[in-house]
Amino acid sequence: MNVISIFVTIQIKQGFKERFVKASFGDAQGSVRDEPGCFRFDMLQDSSDPNCFHLYEVYADEAALEAHRNSPHYKTWRETVGDWFDGQAKRVAMSTVFPSDDGWRKQKSHLLNW
């Protein structure tokens, strides 16, 4: 089973930035705290566009990604923020080169849960 990394870019409508950030904390924190198969969940704000956000997520495998999509915190997040998107989110699926899949799995036990 290969580790799955995804990079998601989300453009938020004007006036929803603060609410988006607040709502997204629940999904990000729940992902690393409650999902054994979520190795990383970073939320980044574009330096040149304050309404553009990037999510970098790493999952143990496809089953872990599916578990994330079915988690209560993710479902709550989608229901809350969906209307704030300015267009479709752009998702790029990637294969990790470094750390290796085994490196990600060994690191999980040392991940700081926020």
Protein backbone atom coordinates (compact mmCIF):
# COMPACT_ATOMS: atom_id res chain seq x y z
CA MET A 1 0.00 0.00 0.00
CA ASN A 2 1.46 3.30 -1.10
CA VAL A 3 1.36 6.50 0.90
CA ILE A 4 -0.90 9.10 -0.75
CA SER A 5 -0.09 12.80 -0.77
CA ILE A 6 -2.49 15.44 -2.04
CA PHE A 7 -2.19 19.17 -2.60
CA VAL A 8 -5.49 21.06 -2.72
CA THR A 9 -5.86 24.71 -3.73
CA ILE A 10 -9.01 26.51 -2.63
CA GLN A 11 -9.97 30.04 -3.61
CA ILE A 12 -12.35 31.62 -1.09
CA LYS A 13 -14.92 34.28 -1.92
CA GLN A 14 -14.22 37.78 -0.68
CA GLY A 15 -15.38 38.29 2.92
CA PHE A 16 -15.17 34.64 4.03
CA LYS A 17 -11.45 34.32 4.83
CA GLU A 18 -11.66 34.51 8.63
CA ARG A 19 -14.63 32.14 8.79
CA PHE A 20 -12.88 29.72 6.43
CA VAL A 21 -9.74 29.66 8.56
CA LYS A 22 -11.72 29.11 11.76
CA ALA A 23 -13.80 26.30 10.23
CA SER A 24 -10.73 24.68 8.69
CA PHE A 25 -8.94 24.39 12.02
CA GLY A 26 -11.47 21.76 13.13
CA ASP A 27 -10.84 19.61 10.08
CA ALA A 28 -7.06 19.98 10.22
CA GLN A 29 -6.82 19.29 13.95
CA GLY A 30 -9.29 16.41 13.79
CA SER A 31 -7.36 14.87 10.92
CA VAL A 32 -4.00 14.65 12.70
CA ARG A 33 -5.52 14.00 16.13
CA ASP A 34 -8.21 11.43 15.33
CA GLU A 35 -7.13 9.69 12.13
CA PRO A 36 -4.36 7.09 12.57
CA GLY A 37 -3.84 7.06 8.79
CA CYS A 38 -3.36 10.83 8.44
CA PHE A 39 0.37 11.52 8.60
CA ARG A 40 0.24 15.23 7.79
CA PHE A 41 -2.31 17.99 7.29
CA ASP A 42 -0.96 21.48 6.59
CA MET A 43 -3.11 24.51 5.85
CA LEU A 44 -1.23 27.28 4.05
CA GLN A 45 -2.32 30.75 3.01
CA ASP A 46 -1.01 32.11 -0.29
CA SER A 47 1.34 35.06 0.34
CA SER A 48 0.16 36.93 -2.75
CA ASP A 49 -3.59 36.24 -2.40
CA PRO A 50 -5.06 36.16 1.13
CA ASN A 51 -8.21 34.41 -0.15
CA CYS A 52 -6.26 31.48 -1.60
CA PHE A 53 -5.42 28.49 0.60
CA HIS A 54 -3.42 25.34 -0.02
CA LEU A 55 -3.85 22.08 1.87
CA TYR A 56 -1.03 19.55 1.93
CA GLU A 57 -2.20 16.18 3.20
CA VAL A 58 -0.45 12.82 3.54
CA TYR A 59 -2.33 9.55 4.17
CA ALA A 60 -1.13 6.01 4.83
CA ASP A 61 -3.08 4.65 1.87
CA GLU A 62 -6.33 4.95 -0.09
CA ALA A 63 -8.33 3.50 2.82
CA ALA A 64 -6.98 6.22 5.15
CA LEU A 65 -7.93 8.92 2.64
CA GLU A 66 -11.42 7.44 2.36
CA ALA A 67 -11.68 7.32 6.17
CA HIS A 68 -10.79 11.03 6.21
CA ARG A 69 -13.53 11.82 3.70
CA ASN A 70 -16.03 9.97 5.88
CA SER A 71 -14.92 11.48 9.19
CA PRO A 72 -17.31 13.71 11.14
CA HIS A 73 -14.88 16.65 11.18
CA TYR A 74 -14.42 16.52 7.38
CA LYS A 75 -18.16 16.28 6.72
CA THR A 76 -18.81 19.22 9.05
CA TRP A 77 -16.07 21.22 7.31
CA ARG A 78 -17.46 20.53 3.82
CA GLU A 79 -20.99 21.48 4.86
CA THR A 80 -19.73 24.67 6.49
CA VAL A 81 -17.28 25.98 3.87
CA GLY A 82 -18.67 24.65 0.58
CA ASP A 83 -20.59 27.80 -0.32
CA TRP A 84 -17.54 29.96 0.41
CA PHE A 85 -15.47 28.43 -2.42
CA ASP A 86 -14.90 30.73 -5.38
CA GLY A 87 -14.94 28.01 -8.04
CA GLN A 88 -13.89 24.39 -7.76
CA ALA A 89 -11.03 23.31 -5.53
CA LYS A 90 -8.01 22.07 -7.49
CA ARG A 91 -6.60 18.74 -6.31
CA VAL A 92 -3.26 17.25 -7.29
CA ALA A 93 -2.52 13.67 -6.22
CA MET A 94 1.15 12.84 -5.72
CA SER A 95 3.44 9.96 -4.85
CA THR A 96 5.97 10.63 -2.14
CA VAL A 97 9.67 10.35 -2.94
CA PHE A 98 11.08 11.51 0.39
CA PRO A 99 10.37 10.55 3.06
CA SER A 100 9.82 7.01 1.89
CA ASP A 101 6.51 5.29 2.59
CA ASP A 102 8.19 3.44 5.45
CA GLY A 103 9.63 6.72 6.72
CA TRP A 104 6.14 8.25 6.91
CA ARG A 105 4.81 5.25 8.81
CA LYS A 106 7.64 5.32 11.35
CA GLN A 107 7.25 9.08 11.86
CA LYS A 108 3.53 8.92 12.72
CA SER A 109 4.04 7.93 16.34
CA HIS A 110 6.10 11.09 16.87
CA LEU A 111 3.63 13.50 15.24
CA LEU A 112 2.67 16.33 17.53
CA ASN A 113 -1.09 16.54 17.83
CA TRP A 114 -2.18 20.15 18.04
